[in-house]
Protein backbone atom coordinates (compact mmCIF):
# COMPACT_ATOMS: atom_id res chain seq x y z
CA MET A 1 25.01 -19.57 -24.93
CA SER A 2 26.42 -22.90 -24.62
CA LYS A 3 25.33 -25.47 -22.16
CA ILE A 4 28.75 -25.45 -20.25
CA ASN A 5 28.80 -21.86 -20.04
CA GLU A 6 25.35 -21.83 -18.46
CA TYR A 7 26.47 -24.72 -16.13
CA TYR A 8 29.44 -22.69 -15.13
CA GLN A 9 27.27 -19.63 -14.48
CA LYS A 10 24.72 -21.28 -12.33
CA LYS A 11 27.46 -23.08 -10.45
CA ASN A 12 29.15 -19.68 -9.61
CA LEU A 13 26.01 -18.30 -8.66
CA ILE A 14 25.17 -21.13 -6.14
CA ASN A 15 28.72 -20.82 -4.81
CA GLN A 16 28.05 -16.99 -4.34
CA LEU A 17 24.57 -17.43 -2.80
CA THR A 18 25.95 -20.12 -0.35
CA GLU A 19 28.54 -17.69 0.79
CA GLU A 20 25.88 -15.03 1.34
CA LEU A 21 23.68 -17.38 3.32
CA ASN A 22 26.44 -18.35 5.34
CA ALA A 23 27.12 -14.87 6.05
CA LEU A 24 23.76 -14.26 7.08
CA GLU A 25 23.69 -17.51 9.33
CA ASN A 26 26.43 -16.11 11.26
CA ASP A 27 24.73 -12.51 11.71
CA VAL A 28 24.01 -11.95 15.39
CA GLU A 29 21.06 -9.58 14.48
CA LEU A 30 19.54 -12.23 12.18
CA LYS A 31 19.82 -14.91 14.94
CA SER A 32 17.99 -12.48 17.27
CA GLU A 33 15.26 -11.88 14.68
CA LEU A 34 14.93 -15.58 13.94
CA GLU A 35 14.72 -16.27 17.71
CA LEU A 36 11.98 -13.66 18.14
CA GLU A 37 10.17 -15.16 15.14
CA ASN A 38 10.37 -18.63 16.81
CA SER A 39 9.08 -17.26 20.06
CA ILE A 40 6.02 -15.68 18.61
CA ARG A 41 5.07 -18.49 16.63
CA ASP A 42 5.23 -20.94 19.66
CA LEU A 43 2.96 -18.51 21.63
CA MET A 44 0.59 -18.39 18.80
CA SER A 45 0.46 -22.19 18.86
CA GLU A 46 0.34 -22.41 22.40
CA TYR A 47 -2.87 -20.01 22.65
CA ASP A 48 -4.36 -21.16 19.14
CA LYS A 49 -3.87 -17.65 17.66
CA SER A 50 -3.34 -16.51 14.16
CA PRO A 51 -1.06 -13.59 12.86
CA LYS A 52 -4.33 -11.64 12.43
CA ASP A 53 -5.37 -12.22 16.03
CA MET A 54 -1.78 -11.09 17.19
CA PHE A 55 -2.25 -7.91 15.04
CA LYS A 56 -5.44 -7.05 16.77
CA VAL A 57 -3.73 -7.52 20.10
CA LEU A 58 -0.92 -5.35 19.28
CA CYS A 59 -3.16 -2.69 17.91
CA SER A 60 -5.18 -2.65 21.32
CA ILE A 61 -1.73 -2.05 22.83
CA ASP A 62 -0.55 0.68 20.60
CA PRO A 63 -3.56 2.02 18.39
CA SER A 64 -1.00 4.17 16.36
CA ILE A 65 0.13 0.81 14.66
CA ASN A 66 -3.21 0.40 12.93
CA ASN A 67 -3.45 4.16 11.98
CA ALA A 68 0.29 3.90 10.41
CA ASP A 69 -0.56 0.90 8.69
CA LYS A 70 -3.62 2.32 6.70
CA SER A 71 -2.21 5.93 5.96
CA SER A 72 0.92 4.69 4.46
CA GLY A 73 -0.43 3.62 1.16
CA THR A 74 -3.56 6.01 0.41
CA ASN A 75 -3.94 9.23 -0.67
CA PRO A 76 -5.89 11.80 0.93
CA LYS A 77 -9.38 12.41 -0.56
CA ARG A 78 -10.04 15.33 -2.76
CA PRO A 79 -12.28 17.91 -1.51
CA MET A 80 -16.08 17.86 -2.39
CA LYS A 81 -16.88 20.58 -5.02
CA THR A 82 -20.52 21.82 -5.77
CA TYR A 83 -21.36 23.12 -9.19
CA LYS A 84 -24.51 24.95 -9.62
CA ASN A 85 -25.70 25.70 -13.31
CA PRO A 86 -27.25 29.20 -13.18
CA HIS A 87 -29.10 28.46 -16.38
CA THR A 88 -31.23 25.29 -15.27
CA GLY A 89 -30.45 25.40 -11.34
CA GLU A 90 -28.95 21.75 -11.61
CA ILE A 91 -26.62 21.00 -8.96
CA VAL A 92 -23.55 18.70 -9.04
CA LYS A 93 -21.42 17.42 -6.46
CA THR A 94 -18.18 15.63 -7.08
CA ARG A 95 -14.66 15.00 -6.02
CA GLY A 96 -13.23 14.85 -9.37
CA GLY A 97 -13.48 16.92 -12.43
CA ASN A 98 -14.38 14.08 -14.83
CA HIS A 99 -17.99 14.08 -14.12
CA LYS A 100 -20.48 13.39 -17.10
CA THR A 101 -22.69 16.28 -16.54
CA LEU A 102 -19.72 18.67 -15.91
CA ASN A 103 -18.23 17.58 -19.29
CA GLU A 104 -21.51 18.25 -20.82
CA TRP A 105 -21.77 21.75 -19.30
CA ARG A 106 -18.20 22.53 -20.32
CA ALA A 107 -19.13 21.51 -23.89
CA LYS A 108 -22.28 23.70 -24.11
CA TYR A 109 -21.11 26.72 -21.82
CA GLY A 110 -17.15 26.62 -21.72
CA LYS A 111 -14.70 25.47 -19.37
CA SER A 112 -13.98 28.90 -17.77
CA ALA A 113 -17.72 29.46 -17.31
CA VAL A 114 -18.40 26.15 -15.46
CA GLN A 115 -15.16 26.63 -13.25
CA SER A 116 -16.86 29.86 -12.06
CA TRP A 117 -19.91 27.99 -10.93
CA ALA A 118 -17.94 25.80 -8.33
CA SER A 119 -18.30 26.60 -4.73
């Protein structure tokens, strides 16, 4: 691509972004959100508080905020399974299936046999 084509592409992109920015600046909802943000920042500086402190305050008002934040990105834990080898009496507790001892037992006794030892 020639330099002049690149120049005009960038110039058009700047013009397009400027128009979008102007439209956003005239948006009533954005103005309201910016005003809220500024008010919160002023309060934080007035009381010498960090965003982390504010989060703690909000969580004390509504504890569901903290729980919703933690549960949104995590998967539930797998159930604990206990395997007891009837030949040796050895017990293995695991949440996953890729356990070193279980793999050894599967190689020696077979997958279905080891699966039947689970409780």
